[in-house]
């Protein structure tokens, strides 16, 4: 059973939600399912969104005249092992006499994808000489090219991270799903906890913490923007607005500085005898709420006792740690992710010199995927080179005290401890 099918058990597609569609060529697209609308997925066709609403995730559909037909899941078939090879078999254009123009004519005539593939197999000069393994691969390549099918995938954290990593791994700073899982585990994220996150990975870390919190706890994000950042990854996760508003708080680097003086709110003067309109009163109340929210957020941050600090930033990480670590509780984990090991090695060396950072450890995320098929189990030929590097440490309180002991006229250790 695939990952998306396992995660989809018991879940159904809801209106106004983001759904991931896995296409025959293994590409994944994110679409919004709105009632009484049409969803287009390019050359694969379009369909009515109402066909998906209320249906369970993990089903495979075929598009036919904007309607969806459920395709039964394929079962594994036993393939006889063989020592035959395809070394001397030519698979070039000469072996396939069916021309591009003829294939286009079949498409325009409304021929089904299976009929086109069947025609190609019948006219292939060397198809019968192929091994059973090669025949299956040939069929899959043709299905990816001509079939109009897709499989619905639920927007879980794993699937969303995998989707963004394949789409644009630089935008999420090489945060692979296995790297993200290690970060969440090292940071010990739990419901009801209070955490600080510095996220320049398009919101991937923020989404991971929000999912673990489950609407209970507190998450402070420190960013560059003056207003709360618009994390593109968060739009794919289908979070409820109530969970975000009650948990998520954002400050920029200026307002997170204790020396910063926020602007105080003063009501505008109105000419004597002139009444305040409802529009002016609403604007005044909104400004008052914004100013008070900023004051409350700063007070909560400076009160400290946060249970973890997670960083995936474009800036030098040690300066961020030194800036935010005073607000951590004792034994709070610090986890830093970076696509580059050099910056983390430098940070690790600096943290080792300070007793308040316990056991700074640098690790590299490593992943190998395998194809699991009867008689064909082997690693995939194409895999990502790196999922980034992770530096983890424990923040501890350092107690500095000096004890003066008067040892004169002490005849035994028992008397010494008695004086202490």
Protein backbone atom coordinates (compact mmCIF):
# COMPACT_ATOMS: atom_id res chain seq x y z
CA UNK A 1 0.00 0.00 0.00
CA UNK A 2 1.40 3.40 -0.97
CA UNK A 3 1.98 6.28 1.46
CA UNK A 4 -0.92 8.33 0.15
CA UNK A 5 -3.32 5.39 0.41
CA UNK A 6 -2.21 4.63 3.97
CA UNK A 7 -2.67 8.24 5.06
CA UNK A 8 -6.01 8.48 3.33
CA UNK A 9 -7.83 5.80 5.29
CA UNK A 10 -11.08 7.25 6.61
CA UNK A 11 -10.56 10.69 5.02
CA UNK A 12 -12.75 12.19 2.32
CA UNK A 13 -12.36 15.12 -0.04
CA UNK A 14 -14.04 18.25 1.33
CA UNK A 15 -15.25 21.32 -0.58
CA UNK A 16 -12.92 24.36 -0.56
CA UNK A 17 -9.93 22.14 0.26
CA UNK A 18 -6.60 21.60 -1.48
CA UNK A 19 -6.16 18.13 -2.97
CA UNK A 20 -2.96 16.67 -4.40
CA UNK A 21 -3.36 14.78 -7.67
CA UNK A 22 -0.76 12.19 -8.66
CA UNK A 23 -0.68 11.97 -12.45
CA UNK A 24 0.37 8.97 -14.59
CA UNK A 25 3.86 10.44 -15.17
CA UNK A 26 4.33 10.56 -11.34
CA UNK A 27 3.95 14.34 -11.30
CA UNK A 28 1.91 15.77 -8.41
CA UNK A 29 -0.29 18.84 -8.73
CA UNK A 30 -2.18 20.77 -6.09
CA UNK A 31 -5.72 21.85 -7.01
CA UNK A 32 -8.49 23.52 -5.06
CA UNK A 33 -11.79 21.67 -5.06
CA UNK A 34 -14.66 24.17 -5.14
CA UNK A 35 -18.28 23.18 -5.44
CA UNK A 36 -19.88 23.67 -8.86
CA UNK A 37 -16.55 24.39 -10.55
CA UNK A 38 -14.31 22.73 -13.14
CA UNK A 39 -10.80 21.52 -12.30
CA UNK A 40 -8.27 21.60 -15.15
CA UNK A 41 -5.04 19.59 -15.07
CA UNK A 42 -3.57 20.61 -18.41
CA UNK A 43 -3.15 18.06 -21.16
CA UNK A 44 -4.65 15.38 -18.93
CA UNK A 45 -8.06 17.05 -19.24
CA UNK A 46 -10.59 18.67 -16.92
CA UNK A 47 -13.42 17.40 -14.72
CA UNK A 48 -16.25 18.62 -12.50
CA UNK A 49 -15.10 19.23 -8.93
CA UNK A 50 -18.37 17.91 -7.51
CA UNK A 51 -17.31 14.46 -8.71
CA UNK A 52 -14.56 14.42 -6.04
CA UNK A 53 -16.36 16.00 -3.08
CA UNK A 54 -17.24 13.40 -0.47
CA UNK A 55 -15.10 10.68 -2.06
CA UNK A 56 -12.32 8.95 -0.09
CA UNK A 57 -8.68 9.72 -0.80
CA UNK A 58 -6.49 7.19 -2.56
CA UNK A 59 -8.86 6.31 -5.42
CA UNK A 60 -7.67 6.37 -9.03
CA UNK A 61 -9.93 8.06 -11.59
CA UNK A 62 -10.09 8.25 -15.35
CA UNK A 63 -11.37 11.44 -17.00
CA UNK A 64 -14.06 10.90 -19.63
CA UNK A 65 -16.07 13.87 -20.93
CA UNK A 66 -15.44 15.82 -17.69
CA UNK A 67 -16.74 12.88 -15.70
CA UNK A 68 -14.72 10.66 -13.41
CA UNK A 69 -14.67 6.88 -13.61
CA UNK A 70 -13.15 4.97 -10.69
CA UNK A 71 -10.44 2.53 -11.79
CA UNK A 72 -10.03 -0.57 -9.60
CA UNK A 73 -6.65 -0.89 -7.91
CA UNK A 74 -4.18 -3.17 -9.60
CA UNK A 75 -2.86 -6.17 -7.70
CA UNK A 76 0.68 -7.50 -7.87
CA UNK A 77 1.18 -10.14 -10.50
CA UNK A 78 3.70 -12.90 -10.22
CA UNK A 79 6.34 -12.62 -12.92
CA UNK A 80 8.48 -15.61 -13.78
CA UNK A 81 12.16 -14.99 -13.17
CA UNK A 82 14.34 -15.23 -16.27
CA UNK A 83 17.96 -14.89 -17.26
CA UNK A 84 17.06 -13.25 -20.56
CA UNK A 85 18.25 -9.69 -21.23
CA UNK A 86 17.40 -6.89 -23.64
CA UNK A 87 21.01 -6.20 -24.53
CA UNK A 88 20.65 -6.86 -28.25
CA UNK A 89 17.10 -5.53 -28.67
CA UNK A 90 16.74 -2.20 -30.48
CA UNK A 91 13.96 0.04 -29.18
CA UNK A 92 14.45 2.96 -31.55
CA UNK A 93 12.09 4.57 -34.01
CA UNK A 94 12.64 1.85 -36.59
CA UNK A 95 11.15 -0.71 -34.21
CA UNK A 96 7.96 1.37 -33.86
CA UNK A 97 6.49 2.19 -37.30
CA UNK A 98 3.45 3.99 -35.85
CA UNK A 99 4.12 7.67 -36.60
CA UNK A 100 3.34 10.74 -34.54
CA UNK A 101 0.71 11.85 -37.05
CA UNK A 102 -1.06 8.51 -36.81
CA UNK A 103 -1.09 8.69 -33.01
CA UNK A 104 -2.53 12.23 -33.14
CA UNK A 105 -5.21 11.03 -35.53
CA UNK A 106 -6.16 8.27 -33.09
CA UNK A 107 -6.42 10.82 -30.25
CA UNK A 108 -8.61 13.16 -32.32
CA UNK A 109 -10.88 10.28 -33.27
CA UNK A 110 -11.56 9.67 -29.56
CA UNK A 111 -9.61 6.44 -29.25
CA UNK A 112 -9.04 5.28 -25.68
CA UNK A 113 -5.50 5.31 -24.28
CA UNK A 114 -5.55 1.52 -23.99
CA UNK A 115 -6.40 1.23 -27.71
CA UNK A 116 -3.49 3.50 -28.65
CA UNK A 117 -1.09 1.50 -26.50
CA UNK A 118 -2.43 -1.75 -27.96
CA UNK A 119 -1.82 -0.45 -31.51
CA UNK A 120 1.74 0.49 -30.60
CA UNK A 121 2.39 -2.92 -29.07
CA UNK A 122 0.98 -4.72 -32.11
CA UNK A 123 3.19 -2.78 -34.52
CA UNK A 124 6.31 -2.90 -32.35
CA UNK A 125 8.84 -5.07 -34.14
CA UNK A 126 10.73 -6.28 -31.05
CA UNK A 127 8.03 -6.29 -28.37
CA UNK A 128 7.72 -10.07 -28.34
CA UNK A 129 11.47 -10.39 -27.76
CA UNK A 130 11.38 -8.32 -24.57
CA UNK A 131 11.43 -9.86 -21.11
CA UNK A 132 8.29 -9.67 -18.98
CA UNK A 133 9.93 -6.96 -16.89
CA UNK A 134 10.63 -4.83 -19.96
CA UNK A 135 7.11 -5.31 -21.27
CA UNK A 136 5.67 -3.94 -18.02
CA UNK A 137 8.02 -0.94 -18.13
CA UNK A 138 7.06 -0.27 -21.75
CA UNK A 139 3.35 -0.31 -20.90
CA UNK A 140 3.86 2.03 -17.93
CA UNK A 141 5.78 4.53 -20.06
CA UNK A 142 2.98 4.57 -22.62
CA UNK A 143 0.28 4.84 -19.94
CA UNK A 144 2.08 7.84 -18.43
CA UNK A 145 2.08 9.44 -21.87
CA UNK A 146 -1.44 8.79 -23.11
CA UNK A 147 -3.76 7.88 -20.21
CA UNK A 148 -5.95 10.52 -18.57
CA UNK A 149 -5.94 9.22 -15.02
CA UNK A 150 -4.96 10.54 -11.61
CA UNK A 151 -4.95 9.45 -7.97
CA UNK A 152 -6.13 11.70 -5.14
CA UNK A 153 -3.58 12.25 -2.38
CA UNK A 154 -4.43 13.75 1.00
CA UNK A 155 -2.58 16.92 2.02
CA UNK A 156 -0.77 15.42 5.00
CA UNK A 157 2.52 16.89 6.19
CA UNK A 158 4.55 14.09 4.55
CA UNK A 159 2.78 14.40 1.19
CA UNK A 160 2.92 18.20 1.16
CA UNK A 161 6.64 18.21 2.02
CA UNK A 162 7.34 15.65 -0.70
CA UNK A 163 5.27 17.69 -3.17
CA UNK A 164 7.17 20.92 -2.47
CA UNK A 165 10.55 19.18 -2.41
CA UNK A 166 9.99 17.80 -5.91
CA UNK A 167 8.43 21.03 -7.14
CA UNK A 168 11.08 23.48 -5.85
CA UNK A 169 13.46 22.15 -3.20
CA UNK A 170 15.36 25.46 -3.05
CA UNK A 171 12.22 27.25 -1.92
CA UNK A 172 11.95 25.05 1.17
CA UNK A 173 15.73 24.99 1.71
CA UNK A 174 16.14 21.27 0.90
CA UNK A 175 13.75 20.18 3.63
CA UNK A 176 13.01 16.60 2.63
CA UNK A 177 10.26 14.63 4.41
CA UNK A 178 12.77 12.53 6.34
CA UNK A 179 14.69 15.66 7.38
CA UNK A 180 11.49 17.31 8.56
CA UNK A 181 10.56 14.20 10.56
CA UNK A 182 13.93 14.26 12.33
CA UNK A 183 13.57 17.96 13.14
CA UNK A 184 10.12 17.53 14.67
CA UNK A 185 11.38 14.56 16.68
CA UNK A 186 14.54 16.30 17.90
CA UNK A 187 12.54 19.37 18.92
CA UNK A 188 10.09 17.16 20.86
CA UNK A 189 7.03 18.95 19.49
CA UNK A 190 3.88 17.98 21.39
CA UNK A 191 0.31 19.30 21.78
CA UNK A 192 0.10 22.12 24.29
CA UNK A 193 3.78 23.09 23.98
CA UNK A 194 5.22 26.57 23.41
CA UNK A 195 7.81 26.97 20.66
CA UNK A 196 9.75 29.60 18.71
CA UNK A 197 10.30 29.06 14.97
CA UNK A 198 12.42 31.03 12.51
CA UNK A 199 11.17 29.80 9.15
CA UNK A 200 12.60 30.93 5.81
CA UNK A 201 11.51 27.65 4.20
CA UNK A 202 8.18 29.00 2.89
CA UNK A 203 6.39 27.88 6.05
CA UNK A 204 7.30 24.19 6.04
CA UNK A 205 8.54 24.26 9.65
CA UNK A 206 5.54 26.30 10.75
CA UNK A 207 3.19 23.74 9.18
CA UNK A 208 5.02 20.87 10.88
CA UNK A 209 4.72 22.46 14.33
CA UNK A 210 1.10 23.51 13.80
CA UNK A 211 0.13 19.97 12.81
CA UNK A 212 1.80 18.53 15.92
CA UNK A 213 0.21 21.13 18.22
CA UNK A 214 -3.26 20.23 16.98
CA UNK A 215 -4.74 23.60 17.96
CA UNK A 216 -3.33 23.51 21.52
CA UNK A 217 -0.24 25.44 22.58
CA UNK A 218 1.65 28.47 21.29
CA UNK A 219 3.86 29.05 18.27
CA UNK A 220 5.92 32.23 17.87
CA UNK A 221 7.41 32.91 14.44
CA UNK A 222 10.11 35.55 13.91
CA UNK A 223 10.24 36.91 10.36
CA UNK A 224 11.42 39.84 8.22
CA UNK A 225 8.08 41.20 7.11
CA UNK A 226 6.25 43.93 8.97
CA UNK A 227 2.91 42.13 8.66
CA UNK A 228 2.36 38.40 9.37
CA UNK A 229 4.06 36.42 6.57
CA UNK A 230 2.07 34.62 3.90
CA UNK A 231 3.57 31.13 3.97
CA UNK A 232 2.80 29.44 0.61
CA UNK A 233 3.13 25.93 2.07
CA UNK A 234 0.43 26.66 4.64
CA UNK A 235 -2.14 27.13 1.87
CA UNK A 236 -1.63 23.47 0.90
CA UNK A 237 -2.20 22.04 4.38
CA UNK A 238 -5.93 22.80 4.78
CA UNK A 239 -5.54 24.12 8.33
CA UNK A 240 -8.60 25.51 10.06
CA UNK A 241 -8.48 29.26 10.63
CA UNK A 242 -9.49 28.84 14.28
CA UNK A 243 -6.45 26.66 14.98
CA UNK A 244 -4.10 29.17 13.38
CA UNK A 245 -5.49 32.27 15.08
CA UNK A 246 -5.45 30.72 18.55
CA UNK A 247 -1.94 29.26 18.28
CA UNK A 248 0.14 31.21 15.78
CA UNK A 249 1.73 34.59 16.63
CA UNK A 250 4.21 36.44 14.39
CA UNK A 251 6.76 39.13 15.24
CA UNK A 252 9.45 40.65 13.04
CA UNK A 253 13.04 41.09 14.13
CA UNK A 254 12.50 44.73 15.07
CA UNK A 255 9.50 44.16 17.34
CA UNK A 256 11.22 41.10 18.87
CA UNK A 257 14.00 43.36 20.17
CA UNK A 258 13.62 44.39 23.81
CA UNK A 259 15.00 47.86 23.02
CA UNK A 260 12.27 48.48 20.46
CA UNK A 261 9.59 50.95 21.55
CA UNK A 262 6.24 50.23 19.91
CA UNK A 263 4.05 53.12 18.90
CA UNK A 264 1.39 53.86 21.47
CA UNK A 265 -2.16 54.32 20.34
CA UNK A 266 -3.74 57.77 20.58
CA UNK A 267 -7.23 58.49 19.37
CA UNK A 268 -7.35 61.20 16.67
CA UNK A 269 -8.71 64.57 17.68
CA UNK A 270 -12.15 65.46 16.39
CA UNK A 271 -13.42 69.01 16.05
CA UNK A 272 -15.64 70.14 18.88
CA UNK A 273 -19.28 69.44 18.22
CA UNK A 274 -18.53 66.96 15.39
CA UNK A 275 -19.71 63.39 15.99
CA UNK A 276 -17.51 60.37 15.31
CA UNK A 277 -18.88 58.30 12.44
CA UNK A 278 -19.22 54.52 12.59
CA UNK A 279 -16.47 54.16 10.00
CA UNK A 280 -14.06 56.25 12.06
CA UNK A 281 -14.96 54.38 15.23
CA UNK A 282 -14.36 51.02 13.49
CA UNK A 283 -10.97 52.20 12.24
CA UNK A 284 -9.98 53.42 15.71
CA UNK A 285 -10.98 50.10 17.27
CA UNK A 286 -8.98 48.15 14.70
CA UNK A 287 -5.85 50.20 15.38
CA UNK A 288 -6.33 49.76 19.09
CA UNK A 289 -6.62 45.99 18.70
CA UNK A 290 -3.47 45.82 16.52
CA UNK A 291 -1.40 47.90 18.95
CA UNK A 292 -2.59 45.91 21.97
CA UNK A 293 -1.92 42.59 20.19
CA UNK A 294 1.66 43.67 19.50
CA UNK A 295 2.18 44.68 23.13
CA UNK A 296 0.75 41.38 24.38
CA UNK A 297 2.89 39.34 21.96
CA UNK A 298 6.07 41.12 23.05
CA UNK A 299 5.28 40.58 26.71
CA UNK A 300 4.60 36.90 26.11
CA UNK A 301 7.87 36.46 24.21
CA UNK A 302 9.97 38.29 26.78
CA UNK A 303 8.38 36.24 29.58
CA UNK A 304 10.24 33.29 28.08
CA UNK A 305 9.99 29.66 29.21
CA UNK A 306 9.50 28.39 25.64
CA UNK A 307 10.02 24.66 25.17
CA UNK A 308 11.98 24.66 21.94
CA UNK A 309 13.65 26.70 19.20
CA UNK A 310 13.62 25.57 15.55
CA UNK A 311 15.53 27.44 12.85
CA UNK A 312 15.69 27.15 9.06
CA UNK A 313 16.89 30.58 8.05
CA UNK A 314 18.96 32.27 5.37
CA UNK A 315 20.79 34.26 8.06
CA UNK A 316 23.77 33.19 10.16
CA UNK A 317 22.26 30.73 12.66
CA UNK A 318 24.46 31.43 15.68
CA UNK A 319 23.32 35.05 15.89
CA UNK A 320 19.71 33.85 15.88
CA UNK A 321 20.41 31.34 18.64
CA UNK A 322 22.10 33.97 20.82
CA UNK A 323 19.20 36.35 20.22
CA UNK A 324 16.39 33.93 21.09
CA UNK A 325 17.91 31.42 23.52
CA UNK A 326 17.33 33.71 26.58
CA UNK A 327 13.60 33.09 26.11
CA UNK A 328 13.94 29.29 26.34
CA UNK A 329 13.16 27.15 29.34
CA UNK A 330 15.70 24.82 30.88
CA UNK A 331 16.37 21.64 28.86
CA UNK A 332 14.68 23.15 25.80
CA UNK A 333 15.95 21.63 22.52
CA UNK A 334 17.48 23.83 19.81
CA UNK A 335 17.28 22.42 16.26
CA UNK A 336 18.82 24.15 13.24
CA UNK A 337 18.49 23.01 9.62
CA UNK A 338 20.60 24.22 6.71
CA UNK A 339 21.33 23.01 3.17
CA UNK A 340 25.01 23.76 3.80
CA UNK A 341 27.21 22.05 6.41
CA UNK A 342 29.78 24.85 6.70
CA UNK A 343 27.54 27.32 8.52
CA UNK A 344 26.41 24.64 10.96
CA UNK A 345 29.98 23.51 11.66
CA UNK A 346 30.88 27.09 12.58
CA UNK A 347 27.80 27.37 14.78
CA UNK A 348 28.59 24.05 16.45
CA UNK A 349 32.13 25.19 17.29
CA UNK A 350 30.85 28.40 18.86
CA UNK A 351 28.20 26.55 20.88
CA UNK A 352 30.78 24.12 22.22
CA UNK A 353 32.62 27.01 23.84
CA UNK A 354 29.58 27.91 25.96
CA UNK A 355 28.35 25.75 28.82
CA UNK A 356 24.71 26.75 28.29
CA UNK A 357 24.52 24.63 25.11
CA UNK A 358 24.67 20.96 25.91
CA UNK A 359 25.92 18.36 23.40
CA UNK A 360 25.68 20.28 20.08
CA UNK A 361 25.50 17.50 17.47
CA UNK A 362 25.64 17.81 13.69
CA UNK A 363 23.97 15.12 11.56
CA UNK A 364 23.27 14.63 7.87
CA UNK A 365 19.86 13.42 6.73
CA UNK A 366 20.23 10.40 4.47
CA UNK A 367 17.52 8.57 2.57
CA UNK A 368 17.42 5.73 0.05
CA UNK A 369 14.21 4.64 -1.64
CA UNK A 370 13.65 1.12 -2.92
CA UNK A 371 11.44 -0.33 -5.61
CA UNK A 372 9.64 -3.30 -4.05
CA UNK A 373 8.28 -5.60 -6.75
CA UNK A 374 8.33 -9.39 -7.21
CA UNK A 375 11.80 -10.26 -8.46
CA UNK A 376 12.65 -6.56 -8.98
CA UNK A 377 13.63 -5.15 -5.58
CA UNK A 378 16.44 -2.60 -5.90
CA UNK A 379 17.20 1.05 -5.04
CA UNK A 380 15.77 3.70 -7.33
CA UNK A 381 18.24 4.94 -9.89
CA UNK A 382 17.33 8.62 -9.43
CA UNK A 383 17.20 9.99 -5.88
CA UNK A 384 17.79 13.33 -4.20
CA UNK A 385 21.37 13.95 -3.24
CA UNK A 386 20.78 15.62 0.11
CA UNK A 387 18.03 16.55 2.52
CA UNK A 388 20.19 19.11 4.31
CA UNK A 389 22.06 19.04 7.62
CA UNK A 390 20.70 19.29 11.17
CA UNK A 391 22.41 20.76 14.24
CA UNK A 392 20.75 19.96 17.56
CA UNK A 393 21.59 20.96 21.14
CA UNK A 394 19.98 21.32 24.57
CA UNK A 395 19.74 24.70 26.26
CA UNK A 396 20.53 24.55 29.99
CA UNK A 397 20.66 27.09 32.77
CA UNK A 398 24.16 27.94 33.98
CA UNK A 399 24.29 28.65 37.70
CA UNK A 400 27.29 30.71 38.74
CA UNK A 401 27.95 30.92 42.48
CA UNK A 402 30.93 31.27 44.74
CA UNK A 403 31.12 29.42 48.06
CA UNK A 404 33.58 30.55 50.69
CA UNK A 405 34.57 27.88 53.20
CA UNK A 406 36.38 28.56 56.41
CA UNK A 407 38.60 25.52 56.92
CA UNK A 408 40.69 26.59 59.88
CA UNK A 409 40.20 24.75 63.14
CA UNK A 410 38.59 21.82 61.37
CA UNK A 411 39.72 18.46 62.70
CA UNK A 412 37.71 16.15 60.43
CA UNK A 413 35.63 16.12 57.22
CA UNK A 414 32.50 15.69 59.36
CA UNK A 415 33.11 19.06 61.01
CA UNK A 416 33.74 20.63 57.59
CA UNK A 417 30.37 19.47 56.21
CA UNK A 418 28.71 20.54 59.44
CA UNK A 419 29.93 24.09 58.86
CA UNK A 420 28.55 24.02 55.32
